[in-house]
């Protein structure tokens, strides 16, 4: 979890996506996340986290529905949503938190 803390303390916005490959909604989100990462470039980060392989982290963040998307900025959660999101919405949210 110490690496996780380092990621959160970055001054760039960080989009965490908790998913599970067995859930169809999670699978359809992958191309959307590629679009978001391409649009944000090196001004932010998009990180996918398999909830099954990271149970302790998922429990600590109370992830109950997959996919769950969370944006952190300077160590603080600034946005959280469960379920599918479109690329334009996520890009706009990330851009709102750019320096």
N, C-alpha and C. Protein backbone atom coordinates (compact mmCIF):
# COMPACT_ATOMS: atom_id res chain seq x y z
N UNK A 1 0.81 -1.20 0.00
CA UNK A 1 0.00 0.00 0.00
C UNK A 1 0.85 1.26 0.00
N UNK A 2 2.14 1.16 0.33
CA UNK A 2 2.97 2.36 0.34
C UNK A 2 3.12 2.92 -1.07
N UNK A 3 3.23 2.06 -2.08
CA UNK A 3 3.28 2.54 -3.46
C UNK A 3 1.99 3.24 -3.82
N UNK A 4 0.87 2.73 -3.33
CA UNK A 4 -0.42 3.34 -3.58
C UNK A 4 -0.45 4.76 -3.01
N UNK A 5 0.07 4.92 -1.81
CA UNK A 5 0.14 6.23 -1.18
C UNK A 5 0.98 7.21 -1.99
N UNK A 6 2.07 6.74 -2.57
CA UNK A 6 2.92 7.59 -3.40
C UNK A 6 2.16 8.05 -4.65
N UNK A 7 1.39 7.16 -5.24
CA UNK A 7 0.58 7.53 -6.40
C UNK A 7 -0.42 8.63 -6.06
N UNK A 8 -1.04 8.49 -4.89
CA UNK A 8 -2.07 9.45 -4.49
C UNK A 8 -1.51 10.83 -4.21
N UNK A 9 -0.29 10.89 -3.71
CA UNK A 9 0.29 12.17 -3.33
C UNK A 9 0.81 12.98 -4.51
N UNK A 10 0.78 12.40 -5.68
CA UNK A 10 1.23 13.11 -6.88
C UNK A 10 0.33 14.31 -7.13
N UNK A 11 0.89 15.38 -7.71
CA UNK A 11 0.06 16.56 -7.96
C UNK A 11 -0.72 16.46 -9.26
N UNK A 12 -0.52 15.38 -10.02
CA UNK A 12 -1.32 15.14 -11.21
C UNK A 12 -2.59 14.40 -10.82
N UNK A 13 -3.69 14.65 -11.53
CA UNK A 13 -4.90 13.87 -11.24
C UNK A 13 -4.68 12.40 -11.58
N UNK A 14 -5.25 11.54 -10.79
CA UNK A 14 -5.10 10.10 -10.93
C UNK A 14 -6.48 9.48 -11.01
N UNK A 15 -6.77 8.82 -12.13
CA UNK A 15 -8.03 8.11 -12.29
C UNK A 15 -7.78 6.63 -12.00
N UNK A 16 -8.38 6.15 -10.92
CA UNK A 16 -8.30 4.73 -10.58
C UNK A 16 -9.58 4.05 -11.05
N UNK A 17 -9.42 2.93 -11.71
CA UNK A 17 -10.57 2.19 -12.21
C UNK A 17 -10.52 0.77 -11.65
N UNK A 18 -11.44 0.48 -10.75
CA UNK A 18 -11.53 -0.85 -10.18
C UNK A 18 -12.46 -1.67 -11.07
N UNK A 19 -11.95 -2.81 -11.54
CA UNK A 19 -12.70 -3.61 -12.50
C UNK A 19 -12.53 -5.09 -12.19
N UNK A 20 -13.23 -5.89 -12.97
CA UNK A 20 -13.11 -7.35 -12.92
C UNK A 20 -13.36 -7.83 -14.34
N UNK A 21 -12.47 -8.60 -14.90
CA UNK A 21 -12.60 -9.06 -16.29
C UNK A 21 -13.83 -9.92 -16.54
N UNK A 22 -14.43 -10.45 -15.50
CA UNK A 22 -15.61 -11.30 -15.67
C UNK A 22 -16.90 -10.51 -15.80
N UNK A 23 -16.84 -9.21 -15.59
CA UNK A 23 -18.03 -8.36 -15.68
C UNK A 23 -18.00 -7.62 -17.01
N UNK A 24 -19.05 -7.76 -17.80
CA UNK A 24 -19.11 -7.17 -19.13
C UNK A 24 -18.88 -5.67 -19.13
N UNK A 25 -19.47 -4.95 -18.17
CA UNK A 25 -19.30 -3.50 -18.11
C UNK A 25 -17.82 -3.13 -17.95
N UNK A 26 -17.10 -3.89 -17.16
CA UNK A 26 -15.68 -3.62 -16.95
C UNK A 26 -14.92 -3.79 -18.26
N UNK A 27 -15.27 -4.81 -19.02
CA UNK A 27 -14.59 -5.10 -20.28
C UNK A 27 -14.81 -3.98 -21.30
N UNK A 28 -16.03 -3.46 -21.37
CA UNK A 28 -16.32 -2.41 -22.35
C UNK A 28 -15.69 -1.07 -21.96
N UNK A 29 -15.20 -0.96 -20.76
CA UNK A 29 -14.59 0.28 -20.29
C UNK A 29 -13.15 0.44 -20.77
N UNK A 30 -12.47 -0.63 -21.12
CA UNK A 30 -11.07 -0.57 -21.51
C UNK A 30 -10.79 0.39 -22.68
N UNK A 31 -11.56 0.35 -23.79
CA UNK A 31 -11.30 1.31 -24.88
C UNK A 31 -11.55 2.76 -24.45
N UNK A 32 -12.51 2.95 -23.57
CA UNK A 32 -12.80 4.30 -23.05
C UNK A 32 -11.59 4.82 -22.28
N UNK A 33 -10.99 3.97 -21.47
CA UNK A 33 -9.84 4.38 -20.66
C UNK A 33 -8.64 4.69 -21.54
N UNK A 34 -8.48 3.97 -22.65
CA UNK A 34 -7.40 4.27 -23.58
C UNK A 34 -7.59 5.66 -24.17
N UNK A 35 -8.83 6.01 -24.50
CA UNK A 35 -9.13 7.33 -25.04
C UNK A 35 -8.83 8.43 -24.01
N UNK A 36 -9.20 8.16 -22.76
CA UNK A 36 -8.94 9.14 -21.69
C UNK A 36 -7.44 9.33 -21.51
N UNK A 37 -6.70 8.23 -21.44
CA UNK A 37 -5.25 8.31 -21.26
C UNK A 37 -4.60 9.07 -22.43
N UNK A 38 -5.06 8.82 -23.63
CA UNK A 38 -4.51 9.51 -24.80
C UNK A 38 -4.81 11.00 -24.75
N UNK A 39 -6.01 11.36 -24.32
CA UNK A 39 -6.40 12.77 -24.27
C UNK A 39 -5.66 13.53 -23.17
N UNK A 40 -5.42 12.89 -22.06
CA UNK A 40 -4.76 13.55 -20.91
C UNK A 40 -3.25 13.57 -21.10
N UNK A 41 -2.72 12.55 -21.75
CA UNK A 41 -1.27 12.48 -21.97
C UNK A 41 -0.52 12.35 -20.67
N UNK A 42 0.58 13.10 -20.54
CA UNK A 42 1.40 13.01 -19.34
C UNK A 42 0.97 13.98 -18.25
N UNK A 43 -0.21 14.58 -18.40
CA UNK A 43 -0.72 15.52 -17.39
C UNK A 43 -1.52 14.82 -16.29
N UNK A 44 -1.76 13.54 -16.46
CA UNK A 44 -2.51 12.77 -15.48
C UNK A 44 -2.24 11.30 -15.70
N UNK A 45 -2.82 10.47 -14.84
CA UNK A 45 -2.61 9.03 -14.94
C UNK A 45 -3.94 8.30 -14.88
N UNK A 46 -4.01 7.20 -15.62
CA UNK A 46 -5.15 6.30 -15.57
C UNK A 46 -4.61 4.93 -15.18
N UNK A 47 -5.12 4.40 -14.08
CA UNK A 47 -4.62 3.11 -13.59
C UNK A 47 -5.80 2.17 -13.37
N UNK A 48 -5.73 1.01 -14.02
CA UNK A 48 -6.75 -0.02 -13.84
C UNK A 48 -6.29 -0.95 -12.73
N UNK A 49 -7.23 -1.29 -11.85
CA UNK A 49 -6.92 -2.16 -10.72
C UNK A 49 -7.93 -3.30 -10.71
N UNK A 50 -7.45 -4.52 -10.83
CA UNK A 50 -8.30 -5.69 -10.76
C UNK A 50 -8.72 -5.87 -9.30
N UNK A 51 -10.00 -5.71 -9.03
CA UNK A 51 -10.50 -5.75 -7.66
C UNK A 51 -10.26 -7.10 -7.00
N UNK A 52 -10.33 -8.19 -7.78
CA UNK A 52 -10.11 -9.52 -7.20
C UNK A 52 -8.66 -9.73 -6.78
N UNK A 53 -7.73 -9.15 -7.51
CA UNK A 53 -6.31 -9.32 -7.20
C UNK A 53 -5.83 -8.31 -6.16
N UNK A 54 -6.64 -7.33 -5.84
CA UNK A 54 -6.28 -6.30 -4.87
C UNK A 54 -7.41 -6.16 -3.84
N UNK A 55 -7.72 -7.27 -3.19
CA UNK A 55 -8.85 -7.30 -2.26
C UNK A 55 -8.70 -6.33 -1.10
N UNK A 56 -7.49 -6.24 -0.52
CA UNK A 56 -7.30 -5.36 0.63
C UNK A 56 -7.56 -3.90 0.26
N UNK A 57 -7.04 -3.49 -0.88
CA UNK A 57 -7.25 -2.12 -1.34
C UNK A 57 -8.72 -1.88 -1.64
N UNK A 58 -9.36 -2.84 -2.31
CA UNK A 58 -10.78 -2.72 -2.64
C UNK A 58 -11.62 -2.60 -1.37
N UNK A 59 -11.29 -3.39 -0.37
CA UNK A 59 -12.00 -3.32 0.91
C UNK A 59 -11.76 -1.98 1.60
N UNK A 60 -10.51 -1.52 1.59
CA UNK A 60 -10.17 -0.26 2.25
C UNK A 60 -10.92 0.92 1.62
N UNK A 61 -11.15 0.85 0.32
CA UNK A 61 -11.86 1.94 -0.38
C UNK A 61 -13.35 1.65 -0.52
N UNK A 62 -13.79 0.57 0.10
CA UNK A 62 -15.20 0.17 0.10
C UNK A 62 -15.78 0.07 -1.32
N UNK A 63 -15.05 -0.65 -2.16
CA UNK A 63 -15.50 -0.89 -3.52
C UNK A 63 -16.54 -2.00 -3.46
N UNK A 64 -17.77 -1.69 -3.84
CA UNK A 64 -18.86 -2.68 -3.80
C UNK A 64 -19.40 -3.00 -5.19
N UNK A 65 -19.33 -2.04 -6.11
CA UNK A 65 -19.85 -2.20 -7.45
C UNK A 65 -18.72 -2.03 -8.44
N UNK A 66 -18.69 -2.90 -9.45
CA UNK A 66 -17.66 -2.79 -10.48
C UNK A 66 -18.32 -2.47 -11.82
N UNK A 67 -17.72 -1.64 -12.60
CA UNK A 67 -16.51 -0.89 -12.30
C UNK A 67 -16.82 0.30 -11.38
N UNK A 68 -15.82 0.68 -10.59
CA UNK A 68 -15.88 1.91 -9.79
C UNK A 68 -14.70 2.76 -10.21
N UNK A 69 -14.97 4.03 -10.49
CA UNK A 69 -13.95 4.97 -10.93
C UNK A 69 -13.77 6.05 -9.87
N UNK A 70 -12.52 6.36 -9.56
CA UNK A 70 -12.21 7.35 -8.52
C UNK A 70 -11.11 8.26 -9.06
N UNK A 71 -11.28 9.56 -8.86
CA UNK A 71 -10.22 10.51 -9.20
C UNK A 71 -9.64 11.07 -7.91
N UNK A 72 -8.31 10.99 -7.81
CA UNK A 72 -7.57 11.57 -6.69
C UNK A 72 -6.73 12.73 -7.20
N UNK A 73 -6.59 13.74 -6.36
CA UNK A 73 -5.70 14.87 -6.64
C UNK A 73 -5.06 15.28 -5.32
N UNK A 74 -3.75 15.31 -5.29
CA UNK A 74 -2.99 15.69 -4.09
C UNK A 74 -3.41 14.87 -2.86
N UNK A 75 -3.61 13.57 -3.07
CA UNK A 75 -3.91 12.68 -1.97
C UNK A 75 -5.36 12.67 -1.53
N UNK A 76 -6.22 13.45 -2.17
CA UNK A 76 -7.62 13.50 -1.78
C UNK A 76 -8.52 13.01 -2.89
N UNK A 77 -9.54 12.26 -2.50
CA UNK A 77 -10.53 11.82 -3.47
C UNK A 77 -11.38 13.03 -3.85
N UNK A 78 -11.45 13.32 -5.15
CA UNK A 78 -12.21 14.48 -5.60
C UNK A 78 -13.45 14.09 -6.40
N UNK A 79 -13.53 12.80 -6.79
CA UNK A 79 -14.70 12.32 -7.54
C UNK A 79 -14.74 10.80 -7.47
N UNK A 80 -15.96 10.27 -7.40
CA UNK A 80 -16.13 8.81 -7.36
C UNK A 80 -17.47 8.46 -7.99
N UNK A 81 -17.47 7.42 -8.81
CA UNK A 81 -18.70 6.99 -9.47
C UNK A 81 -18.61 5.50 -9.77
N UNK A 82 -19.70 4.80 -9.62
CA UNK A 82 -19.75 3.39 -9.98
C UNK A 82 -20.52 3.24 -11.28
N UNK A 83 -20.13 2.26 -12.08
CA UNK A 83 -20.80 2.01 -13.34
C UNK A 83 -20.04 2.61 -14.51
N UNK A 84 -20.54 2.35 -15.69
CA UNK A 84 -19.88 2.81 -16.91
C UNK A 84 -19.92 4.33 -17.03
N UNK A 85 -18.88 4.87 -17.62
CA UNK A 85 -18.80 6.30 -17.93
C UNK A 85 -18.28 6.42 -19.35
N UNK A 86 -18.67 7.48 -20.04
CA UNK A 86 -18.16 7.66 -21.40
C UNK A 86 -16.85 8.45 -21.36
N UNK A 87 -16.09 8.35 -22.44
CA UNK A 87 -14.76 8.97 -22.51
C UNK A 87 -14.83 10.49 -22.34
N UNK A 88 -15.79 11.14 -22.98
CA UNK A 88 -15.88 12.60 -22.90
C UNK A 88 -16.11 13.08 -21.47
N UNK A 89 -16.94 12.38 -20.73
CA UNK A 89 -17.20 12.74 -19.33
C UNK A 89 -15.92 12.60 -18.51
N UNK A 90 -15.24 11.48 -18.68
CA UNK A 90 -14.01 11.24 -17.90
C UNK A 90 -12.91 12.22 -18.29
N UNK A 91 -12.79 12.53 -19.56
CA UNK A 91 -11.77 13.50 -20.00
C UNK A 91 -12.06 14.86 -19.38
N UNK A 92 -13.31 15.28 -19.41
CA UNK A 92 -13.68 16.58 -18.83
C UNK A 92 -13.40 16.61 -17.33
N UNK A 93 -13.72 15.52 -16.64
CA UNK A 93 -13.46 15.45 -15.19
C UNK A 93 -11.97 15.54 -14.90
N UNK A 94 -11.18 14.82 -15.66
CA UNK A 94 -9.72 14.85 -15.46
C UNK A 94 -9.18 16.25 -15.75
N UNK A 95 -9.65 16.87 -16.82
CA UNK A 95 -9.17 18.21 -17.19
C UNK A 95 -9.54 19.25 -16.12
N UNK A 96 -10.65 19.04 -15.45
CA UNK A 96 -11.05 19.94 -14.36
C UNK A 96 -10.02 19.94 -13.23
N UNK A 97 -9.26 18.88 -13.11
CA UNK A 97 -8.30 18.75 -12.01
C UNK A 97 -6.85 18.88 -12.44
N UNK A 98 -6.62 19.29 -13.67
CA UNK A 98 -5.25 19.52 -14.12
C UNK A 98 -4.71 20.80 -13.50
N UNK A 99 -3.40 20.87 -13.35
CA UNK A 99 -2.79 22.09 -12.78
C UNK A 99 -2.97 23.28 -13.69
